[in-house]
């Protein structure tokens, strides 16, 4: 019973979209593939809106609506970057449903995405999910061929 008190608490990051999970090293952008922004995984989306993969507070929404950041209660910072070179779309194809400072629950819809528009107008639809402050975290990435939004565990994060 006491041993449970000393176990590291971990945070599960769920899939924010449906699709295929790939390692960051396979993302065709060196910022992500070389983990310059942090550790994580990427998803090749099939459909659906982007949901909160964790409970926390919205700390970043890019002006061009293609990226959103969430800080969890344990201090982990999760970035969802929808597609590659999507900043050039100027926000077209994205409808953000939350604001900076909002508290969100796991599974809450954050951004509606017009995937057809993104496929036709962006470099790539691959969507990295990054722990931007991963240097001080112990992160275990989970890979499976496909992931189900709000169900599949992408990563487990714990303190080092």
N, C-alpha and C. Protein backbone atom coordinates (compact mmCIF):
# COMPACT_ATOMS: atom_id res chain seq x y z
N UNK A 1 0.83 -1.19 0.00
CA UNK A 1 0.00 0.00 0.00
C UNK A 1 0.87 1.26 0.00
N UNK A 2 1.88 1.30 0.87
CA UNK A 2 2.75 2.47 0.92
C UNK A 2 3.57 2.63 -0.35
N UNK A 3 3.88 1.51 -1.01
CA UNK A 3 4.68 1.60 -2.23
C UNK A 3 3.97 2.42 -3.31
N UNK A 4 2.65 2.44 -3.29
CA UNK A 4 1.91 3.24 -4.26
C UNK A 4 2.17 4.72 -4.09
N UNK A 5 2.46 5.15 -2.88
CA UNK A 5 2.73 6.57 -2.62
C UNK A 5 4.03 7.02 -3.28
N UNK A 6 4.94 6.08 -3.49
CA UNK A 6 6.25 6.43 -4.01
C UNK A 6 6.38 6.21 -5.52
N UNK A 7 5.32 5.65 -6.14
CA UNK A 7 5.36 5.45 -7.58
C UNK A 7 5.30 6.80 -8.29
N UNK A 8 6.02 6.89 -9.40
CA UNK A 8 5.95 8.10 -10.21
C UNK A 8 4.55 8.21 -10.80
N UNK A 9 4.01 9.42 -10.74
CA UNK A 9 2.72 9.65 -11.38
C UNK A 9 2.99 9.93 -12.84
N UNK A 10 2.16 9.37 -13.70
CA UNK A 10 2.37 9.60 -15.12
C UNK A 10 1.11 10.17 -15.75
N UNK A 11 1.33 10.81 -16.88
CA UNK A 11 0.26 11.45 -17.63
C UNK A 11 0.14 10.74 -18.97
N UNK A 12 -1.07 10.35 -19.31
CA UNK A 12 -1.30 9.72 -20.61
C UNK A 12 -1.79 10.78 -21.60
N UNK A 13 -1.15 10.81 -22.77
CA UNK A 13 -1.54 11.71 -23.84
C UNK A 13 -2.30 10.88 -24.86
N UNK A 14 -3.56 11.21 -25.07
CA UNK A 14 -4.40 10.45 -26.00
C UNK A 14 -4.34 11.05 -27.41
N UNK A 15 -4.73 10.25 -28.38
CA UNK A 15 -4.74 10.71 -29.77
C UNK A 15 -5.77 11.84 -29.94
N UNK A 16 -5.33 13.00 -30.46
CA UNK A 16 -6.27 14.11 -30.67
C UNK A 16 -7.07 13.98 -31.97
N UNK A 17 -6.64 13.06 -32.86
CA UNK A 17 -7.31 12.83 -34.13
C UNK A 17 -7.19 11.35 -34.50
N UNK A 18 -8.02 10.92 -35.42
CA UNK A 18 -7.94 9.55 -35.96
C UNK A 18 -6.86 9.51 -37.02
N UNK A 19 -6.16 8.38 -37.12
CA UNK A 19 -5.17 8.25 -38.17
C UNK A 19 -4.14 7.19 -37.89
N UNK A 20 -2.98 7.36 -38.53
CA UNK A 20 -1.86 6.43 -38.40
C UNK A 20 -0.74 7.11 -37.64
N UNK A 21 -0.23 6.45 -36.60
CA UNK A 21 0.86 7.00 -35.79
C UNK A 21 2.18 6.69 -36.47
N UNK A 22 3.05 7.72 -36.56
CA UNK A 22 4.41 7.51 -37.08
C UNK A 22 5.41 8.16 -36.12
N UNK A 23 6.64 7.66 -36.09
CA UNK A 23 7.68 8.29 -35.27
C UNK A 23 8.01 9.69 -35.82
N UNK A 24 8.43 10.58 -34.94
CA UNK A 24 8.82 11.93 -35.38
C UNK A 24 9.91 11.87 -36.45
N UNK A 25 10.79 10.90 -36.36
CA UNK A 25 11.88 10.78 -37.32
C UNK A 25 11.41 10.61 -38.75
N UNK A 26 10.15 10.23 -38.94
CA UNK A 26 9.60 10.05 -40.29
C UNK A 26 8.87 11.28 -40.80
N UNK A 27 8.78 12.34 -40.00
CA UNK A 27 8.11 13.56 -40.43
C UNK A 27 9.03 14.30 -41.40
N UNK A 28 8.53 14.65 -42.60
CA UNK A 28 9.39 15.29 -43.61
C UNK A 28 9.64 16.78 -43.35
N UNK A 29 10.10 17.08 -42.13
CA UNK A 29 10.44 18.44 -41.74
C UNK A 29 11.47 18.31 -40.62
N UNK A 30 12.69 18.86 -40.81
CA UNK A 30 13.75 18.66 -39.82
C UNK A 30 13.45 19.24 -38.44
N UNK A 31 12.62 20.26 -38.36
CA UNK A 31 12.27 20.82 -37.05
C UNK A 31 11.63 19.75 -36.18
N UNK A 32 10.81 18.92 -36.79
CA UNK A 32 10.14 17.84 -36.05
C UNK A 32 10.96 16.56 -36.05
N UNK A 33 11.48 16.15 -37.22
CA UNK A 33 12.18 14.87 -37.30
C UNK A 33 13.45 14.85 -36.46
N UNK A 34 14.09 16.01 -36.28
CA UNK A 34 15.29 16.08 -35.45
C UNK A 34 14.96 16.48 -34.01
N UNK A 35 13.69 16.52 -33.69
CA UNK A 35 13.18 16.79 -32.35
C UNK A 35 13.66 18.12 -31.78
N UNK A 36 13.78 19.13 -32.65
CA UNK A 36 14.21 20.46 -32.21
C UNK A 36 13.19 21.10 -31.26
N UNK A 37 11.92 20.73 -31.42
CA UNK A 37 10.87 21.29 -30.57
C UNK A 37 10.57 20.40 -29.38
N UNK A 38 11.09 19.16 -29.39
CA UNK A 38 10.83 18.25 -28.30
C UNK A 38 10.47 16.87 -28.78
N UNK A 39 10.27 15.99 -27.83
CA UNK A 39 9.93 14.59 -28.09
C UNK A 39 8.44 14.48 -28.39
N UNK A 40 8.07 13.44 -29.12
CA UNK A 40 6.66 13.21 -29.40
C UNK A 40 6.46 12.19 -30.49
N UNK A 41 5.28 12.23 -31.08
CA UNK A 41 4.91 11.36 -32.19
C UNK A 41 4.18 12.22 -33.21
N UNK A 42 3.85 11.61 -34.34
CA UNK A 42 3.05 12.31 -35.34
C UNK A 42 1.94 11.38 -35.80
N UNK A 43 0.89 12.00 -36.32
CA UNK A 43 -0.25 11.24 -36.83
C UNK A 43 -0.51 11.69 -38.27
N UNK A 44 -0.72 10.72 -39.14
CA UNK A 44 -1.22 11.01 -40.48
C UNK A 44 -2.73 10.90 -40.34
N UNK A 45 -3.43 12.05 -40.30
CA UNK A 45 -4.87 12.05 -40.01
C UNK A 45 -5.71 11.43 -41.12
N UNK A 46 -6.82 10.82 -40.69
CA UNK A 46 -7.79 10.31 -41.65
C UNK A 46 -9.03 11.20 -41.69
N UNK A 47 -9.46 11.66 -40.53
CA UNK A 47 -10.64 12.52 -40.49
C UNK A 47 -10.82 13.07 -39.08
N UNK A 48 -11.82 13.92 -38.92
CA UNK A 48 -12.21 14.40 -37.60
C UNK A 48 -11.60 15.72 -37.20
N UNK A 49 -12.19 16.28 -36.18
CA UNK A 49 -11.69 17.51 -35.57
C UNK A 49 -10.52 17.17 -34.66
N UNK A 50 -9.81 18.20 -34.21
CA UNK A 50 -8.71 18.01 -33.26
C UNK A 50 -9.27 18.15 -31.85
N UNK A 51 -9.08 17.13 -31.05
CA UNK A 51 -9.57 17.11 -29.67
C UNK A 51 -8.41 17.29 -28.70
N UNK A 52 -8.72 17.71 -27.48
CA UNK A 52 -7.70 17.84 -26.44
C UNK A 52 -7.19 16.45 -26.06
N UNK A 53 -5.86 16.22 -26.16
CA UNK A 53 -5.31 14.91 -25.80
C UNK A 53 -5.09 14.74 -24.30
N UNK A 54 -5.22 15.85 -23.57
CA UNK A 54 -5.01 15.89 -22.13
C UNK A 54 -5.93 16.95 -21.53
N UNK A 55 -6.04 16.93 -20.23
CA UNK A 55 -6.74 17.99 -19.51
C UNK A 55 -5.73 19.08 -19.22
N UNK A 56 -6.12 20.34 -19.37
CA UNK A 56 -5.19 21.41 -19.07
C UNK A 56 -5.72 22.77 -19.47
N UNK A 57 -4.77 23.68 -19.68
CA UNK A 57 -5.11 25.06 -20.04
C UNK A 57 -4.51 25.38 -21.41
N UNK A 58 -5.29 26.03 -22.24
CA UNK A 58 -4.80 26.47 -23.55
C UNK A 58 -3.81 27.61 -23.31
N UNK A 59 -2.56 27.41 -23.73
CA UNK A 59 -1.53 28.43 -23.51
C UNK A 59 -1.05 29.05 -24.82
N UNK A 60 -1.45 28.43 -25.95
CA UNK A 60 -1.02 28.96 -27.25
C UNK A 60 -2.05 28.60 -28.31
N UNK A 61 -2.42 29.58 -29.11
CA UNK A 61 -3.15 29.35 -30.35
C UNK A 61 -2.44 30.23 -31.37
N UNK A 62 -1.88 29.59 -32.39
CA UNK A 62 -1.16 30.38 -33.39
C UNK A 62 -2.13 31.30 -34.12
N UNK A 63 -1.63 32.45 -34.55
CA UNK A 63 -2.45 33.40 -35.29
C UNK A 63 -3.06 32.76 -36.53
N UNK A 64 -2.34 31.81 -37.12
CA UNK A 64 -2.80 31.15 -38.33
C UNK A 64 -3.57 29.86 -38.03
N UNK A 65 -3.92 29.64 -36.77
CA UNK A 65 -4.82 28.58 -36.31
C UNK A 65 -4.34 27.16 -36.55
N UNK A 66 -3.11 26.97 -36.99
CA UNK A 66 -2.62 25.63 -37.32
C UNK A 66 -1.92 24.93 -36.16
N UNK A 67 -1.75 25.61 -35.04
CA UNK A 67 -1.06 25.00 -33.90
C UNK A 67 -1.71 25.46 -32.61
N UNK A 68 -1.75 24.53 -31.64
CA UNK A 68 -2.36 24.85 -30.35
C UNK A 68 -1.53 24.19 -29.25
N UNK A 69 -1.36 24.90 -28.14
CA UNK A 69 -0.58 24.39 -27.03
C UNK A 69 -1.41 24.28 -25.77
N UNK A 70 -1.19 23.20 -25.02
CA UNK A 70 -1.89 22.95 -23.76
C UNK A 70 -0.88 22.69 -22.67
N UNK A 71 -1.06 23.32 -21.51
CA UNK A 71 -0.23 23.03 -20.33
C UNK A 71 -1.08 22.23 -19.35
N UNK A 72 -0.55 21.08 -18.92
CA UNK A 72 -1.27 20.22 -17.99
C UNK A 72 -0.97 20.65 -16.55
N UNK A 73 -1.70 20.07 -15.61
CA UNK A 73 -1.50 20.42 -14.21
C UNK A 73 -0.12 20.01 -13.71
N UNK A 74 0.51 18.99 -14.36
CA UNK A 74 1.86 18.59 -13.94
C UNK A 74 2.94 19.44 -14.62
N UNK A 75 2.52 20.41 -15.45
CA UNK A 75 3.48 21.30 -16.10
C UNK A 75 3.92 20.86 -17.49
N UNK A 76 3.46 19.70 -17.95
CA UNK A 76 3.80 19.26 -19.31
C UNK A 76 3.15 20.21 -20.32
N UNK A 77 3.90 20.51 -21.37
CA UNK A 77 3.38 21.40 -22.42
C UNK A 77 3.28 20.61 -23.72
N UNK A 78 2.06 20.46 -24.19
CA UNK A 78 1.77 19.66 -25.37
C UNK A 78 1.43 20.59 -26.53
N UNK A 79 2.12 20.41 -27.65
CA UNK A 79 1.85 21.20 -28.86
C UNK A 79 1.29 20.27 -29.93
N UNK A 80 0.17 20.68 -30.52
CA UNK A 80 -0.40 19.96 -31.66
C UNK A 80 -0.21 20.88 -32.86
N UNK A 81 0.57 20.41 -33.83
CA UNK A 81 0.89 21.20 -35.03
C UNK A 81 0.21 20.53 -36.23
N UNK A 82 -0.87 21.11 -36.71
CA UNK A 82 -1.69 20.49 -37.74
C UNK A 82 -1.07 20.71 -39.12
N UNK A 83 -0.56 19.64 -39.70
CA UNK A 83 0.04 19.71 -41.02
C UNK A 83 1.40 20.39 -41.02
N UNK A 84 2.05 20.36 -42.20
CA UNK A 84 3.35 21.00 -42.37
C UNK A 84 3.20 22.18 -43.32
N UNK A 85 3.87 23.29 -42.97
CA UNK A 85 3.82 24.51 -43.78
C UNK A 85 2.39 25.04 -43.87
N UNK A 86 1.59 24.74 -42.86
CA UNK A 86 0.20 25.21 -42.84
C UNK A 86 0.08 26.66 -42.40
N UNK A 87 1.17 27.22 -41.89
CA UNK A 87 1.17 28.64 -41.54
C UNK A 87 0.86 29.47 -42.78
N UNK A 88 1.27 28.98 -43.94
CA UNK A 88 1.06 29.72 -45.19
C UNK A 88 -0.41 29.79 -45.60
N UNK A 89 -1.27 29.00 -44.96
CA UNK A 89 -2.69 29.02 -45.29
C UNK A 89 -3.41 30.19 -44.65
N UNK A 90 -2.72 30.89 -43.75
CA UNK A 90 -3.30 32.09 -43.12
C UNK A 90 -4.56 31.83 -42.32
N UNK A 91 -4.71 30.62 -41.81
CA UNK A 91 -5.87 30.29 -40.97
C UNK A 91 -7.00 29.63 -41.74
N UNK A 92 -6.94 29.65 -43.06
CA UNK A 92 -8.00 29.04 -43.86
C UNK A 92 -7.95 27.52 -43.70
N UNK A 93 -9.13 26.93 -43.49
CA UNK A 93 -9.22 25.49 -43.29
C UNK A 93 -9.30 25.09 -41.81
N UNK A 94 -9.17 26.07 -40.92
CA UNK A 94 -9.20 25.80 -39.48
C UNK A 94 -10.25 26.67 -38.80
N UNK A 95 -11.03 26.09 -37.89
CA UNK A 95 -11.97 26.83 -37.06
C UNK A 95 -11.64 26.51 -35.61
N UNK A 96 -11.07 27.48 -34.89
CA UNK A 96 -10.67 27.28 -33.50
C UNK A 96 -11.88 27.51 -32.60
N UNK A 97 -12.13 26.57 -31.68
CA UNK A 97 -13.31 26.63 -30.82
C UNK A 97 -12.99 26.99 -29.37
N UNK A 98 -11.71 27.26 -29.08
CA UNK A 98 -11.29 27.62 -27.72
C UNK A 98 -10.43 28.88 -27.79
N UNK A 99 -10.15 29.44 -26.63
CA UNK A 99 -9.31 30.64 -26.55
C UNK A 99 -8.17 30.41 -25.57
N UNK A 100 -7.10 31.18 -25.71
CA UNK A 100 -5.99 31.12 -24.75
C UNK A 100 -6.55 31.39 -23.36
N UNK A 101 -6.11 30.59 -22.40
CA UNK A 101 -6.58 30.74 -21.03
C UNK A 101 -7.72 29.80 -20.68
N UNK A 102 -8.38 29.22 -21.68
CA UNK A 102 -9.47 28.28 -21.42
C UNK A 102 -8.95 27.01 -20.78
N UNK A 103 -9.70 26.50 -19.83
CA UNK A 103 -9.44 25.17 -19.27
C UNK A 103 -10.17 24.17 -20.17
N UNK A 104 -9.48 23.10 -20.54
CA UNK A 104 -10.10 22.10 -21.41
C UNK A 104 -10.03 20.72 -20.78
N UNK A 105 -10.98 19.88 -21.16
CA UNK A 105 -11.03 18.51 -20.70
C UNK A 105 -10.55 17.59 -21.81
N UNK A 106 -10.01 16.45 -21.44
CA UNK A 106 -9.59 15.46 -22.42
C UNK A 106 -10.79 15.11 -23.30
N UNK A 107 -10.57 15.14 -24.61
CA UNK A 107 -11.62 14.81 -25.55
C UNK A 107 -12.43 16.00 -26.05
N UNK A 108 -12.23 17.16 -25.46
CA UNK A 108 -12.96 18.36 -25.89
C UNK A 108 -12.48 18.79 -27.28
N UNK A 109 -13.43 19.18 -28.14
CA UNK A 109 -13.07 19.63 -29.48
C UNK A 109 -12.37 20.98 -29.38
N UNK A 110 -11.17 21.07 -29.99
CA UNK A 110 -10.38 22.30 -29.96
C UNK A 110 -10.45 23.05 -31.30
N UNK A 111 -10.25 22.30 -32.40
CA UNK A 111 -10.18 22.90 -33.73
C UNK A 111 -10.89 21.99 -34.73
N UNK A 112 -11.78 22.59 -35.52
CA UNK A 112 -12.37 21.86 -36.64
C UNK A 112 -11.46 22.08 -37.83
N UNK A 113 -11.21 21.03 -38.59
CA UNK A 113 -10.27 21.09 -39.70
C UNK A 113 -10.94 20.65 -41.00
N UNK A 114 -10.75 21.42 -42.04
CA UNK A 114 -11.19 21.03 -43.39
C UNK A 114 -10.02 20.26 -44.02
N UNK A 115 -10.01 18.94 -43.80
CA UNK A 115 -8.87 18.12 -44.22
C UNK A 115 -8.68 18.13 -45.73
N UNK A 116 -9.75 18.21 -46.49
CA UNK A 116 -9.61 18.27 -47.95
C UNK A 116 -8.85 19.52 -48.37
N UNK A 117 -9.22 20.65 -47.76
CA UNK A 117 -8.53 21.91 -48.08
C UNK A 117 -7.05 21.81 -47.70
N UNK A 118 -6.77 21.26 -46.52
CA UNK A 118 -5.39 21.14 -46.05
C UNK A 118 -4.60 20.21 -46.99
N UNK A 119 -5.19 19.08 -47.36
CA UNK A 119 -4.52 18.15 -48.29
C UNK A 119 -4.14 18.83 -49.61
N UNK A 120 -5.06 19.66 -50.11
CA UNK A 120 -4.86 20.30 -51.41
C UNK A 120 -3.91 21.49 -51.37
N UNK A 121 -3.79 22.15 -50.21
CA UNK A 121 -3.08 23.43 -50.16
C UNK A 121 -1.85 23.49 -49.26
N UNK A 122 -1.63 22.47 -48.44
CA UNK A 122 -0.46 22.46 -47.55
C UNK A 122 0.57 21.46 -48.07
N UNK A 123 1.78 21.56 -47.53
CA UNK A 123 2.85 20.63 -47.93
C UNK A 123 2.50 19.20 -47.56
N UNK A 124 1.90 19.01 -46.38
CA UNK A 124 1.63 17.67 -45.87
C UNK A 124 0.61 17.78 -44.74
N UNK A 125 -0.23 16.75 -44.56
CA UNK A 125 -1.21 16.79 -43.47
C UNK A 125 -0.69 16.15 -42.19
N UNK A 126 0.50 15.58 -42.20
CA UNK A 126 1.04 14.93 -41.00
C UNK A 126 1.01 15.93 -39.84
N UNK A 127 0.57 15.43 -38.68
CA UNK A 127 0.33 16.29 -37.52
C UNK A 127 1.17 15.84 -36.33
N UNK A 128 2.28 16.54 -36.05
CA UNK A 128 3.09 16.21 -34.88
C UNK A 128 2.40 16.61 -33.57
N UNK A 129 2.56 15.76 -32.56
CA UNK A 129 2.12 16.05 -31.19
C UNK A 129 3.39 16.00 -30.36
N UNK A 130 3.80 17.15 -29.85
CA UNK A 130 5.11 17.32 -29.23
C UNK A 130 4.98 17.72 -27.76
N UNK A 131 5.87 17.19 -26.94
CA UNK A 131 6.02 17.68 -25.56
C UNK A 131 7.16 18.69 -25.64
N UNK A 132 6.81 19.98 -25.65
CA UNK A 132 7.82 21.01 -25.91
C UNK A 132 8.80 21.19 -24.75
N UNK A 133 8.43 20.77 -23.56
CA UNK A 133 9.37 20.82 -22.43
C UNK A 133 9.80 19.40 -22.04
N UNK A 134 10.10 18.60 -23.07
CA UNK A 134 10.42 17.18 -22.84
C UNK A 134 11.78 16.94 -22.21
N UNK A 135 12.66 17.94 -22.20
CA UNK A 135 14.00 17.75 -21.66
C UNK A 135 13.97 17.33 -20.18
N UNK A 136 12.99 17.80 -19.43
CA UNK A 136 12.92 17.47 -18.01
C UNK A 136 11.83 16.42 -17.72
N UNK A 137 11.45 15.68 -18.76
CA UNK A 137 10.40 14.66 -18.60
C UNK A 137 10.92 13.31 -19.08
N UNK A 138 10.29 12.28 -18.59
CA UNK A 138 10.55 10.92 -19.06
C UNK A 138 9.36 10.57 -19.95
N UNK A 139 9.59 10.41 -21.25
CA UNK A 139 8.49 10.22 -22.19
C UNK A 139 8.61 8.86 -22.87
N UNK A 140 7.53 8.12 -22.80
CA UNK A 140 7.46 6.83 -23.49
C UNK A 140 6.43 6.98 -24.60
N UNK A 141 6.88 6.83 -25.85
CA UNK A 141 5.98 6.92 -27.00
C UNK A 141 5.42 5.54 -27.30
N UNK A 142 4.15 5.51 -27.65
CA UNK A 142 3.47 4.26 -27.97
C UNK A 142 3.11 4.28 -29.45
N UNK A 143 3.51 3.26 -30.17
CA UNK A 143 3.23 3.21 -31.60
C UNK A 143 2.30 2.06 -31.90
N UNK A 144 1.27 2.37 -32.64
CA UNK A 144 0.39 1.34 -33.19
C UNK A 144 0.06 1.81 -34.60
N UNK A 145 -0.32 0.89 -35.44
CA UNK A 145 -0.55 1.26 -36.84
C UNK A 145 -1.58 2.38 -36.95
N UNK A 146 -2.67 2.25 -36.23
CA UNK A 146 -3.69 3.29 -36.31
C UNK A 146 -4.06 3.75 -34.90
N UNK A 147 -4.65 4.93 -34.85
CA UNK A 147 -5.07 5.44 -33.54
C UNK A 147 -6.51 5.94 -33.64
N UNK A 148 -7.20 5.83 -32.53
CA UNK A 148 -8.57 6.28 -32.42
C UNK A 148 -8.61 7.47 -31.48
N UNK A 149 -9.16 8.55 -32.00
CA UNK A 149 -9.28 9.80 -31.24
C UNK A 149 -9.89 9.54 -29.86
N UNK A 150 -9.29 10.14 -28.85
CA UNK A 150 -9.75 10.07 -27.46
C UNK A 150 -9.63 8.69 -26.82
N UNK A 151 -9.05 7.71 -27.54
CA UNK A 151 -8.94 6.35 -27.00
C UNK A 151 -7.50 5.85 -26.96
N UNK A 152 -6.78 6.00 -28.07
CA UNK A 152 -5.42 5.46 -28.18
C UNK A 152 -4.43 6.32 -27.39
N UNK A 153 -3.60 5.68 -26.58
CA UNK A 153 -2.56 6.40 -25.83
C UNK A 153 -1.35 6.58 -26.74
N UNK A 154 -0.97 7.85 -26.96
CA UNK A 154 0.20 8.16 -27.80
C UNK A 154 1.49 8.16 -27.01
N UNK A 155 1.41 8.76 -25.82
CA UNK A 155 2.62 8.92 -24.99
C UNK A 155 2.24 8.83 -23.53
N UNK A 156 3.21 8.40 -22.73
CA UNK A 156 3.09 8.44 -21.28
C UNK A 156 4.23 9.33 -20.79
N UNK A 157 3.88 10.35 -20.01
CA UNK A 157 4.86 11.33 -19.54
C UNK A 157 4.97 11.22 -18.01
N UNK A 158 6.19 11.18 -17.53
CA UNK A 158 6.40 11.22 -16.07
C UNK A 158 7.64 12.08 -15.79
N UNK A 159 7.77 12.51 -14.55
CA UNK A 159 8.91 13.32 -14.15
C UNK A 159 10.17 12.44 -14.16
N UNK A 160 11.32 13.05 -14.46
CA UNK A 160 12.58 12.31 -14.45
C UNK A 160 13.02 12.05 -13.03
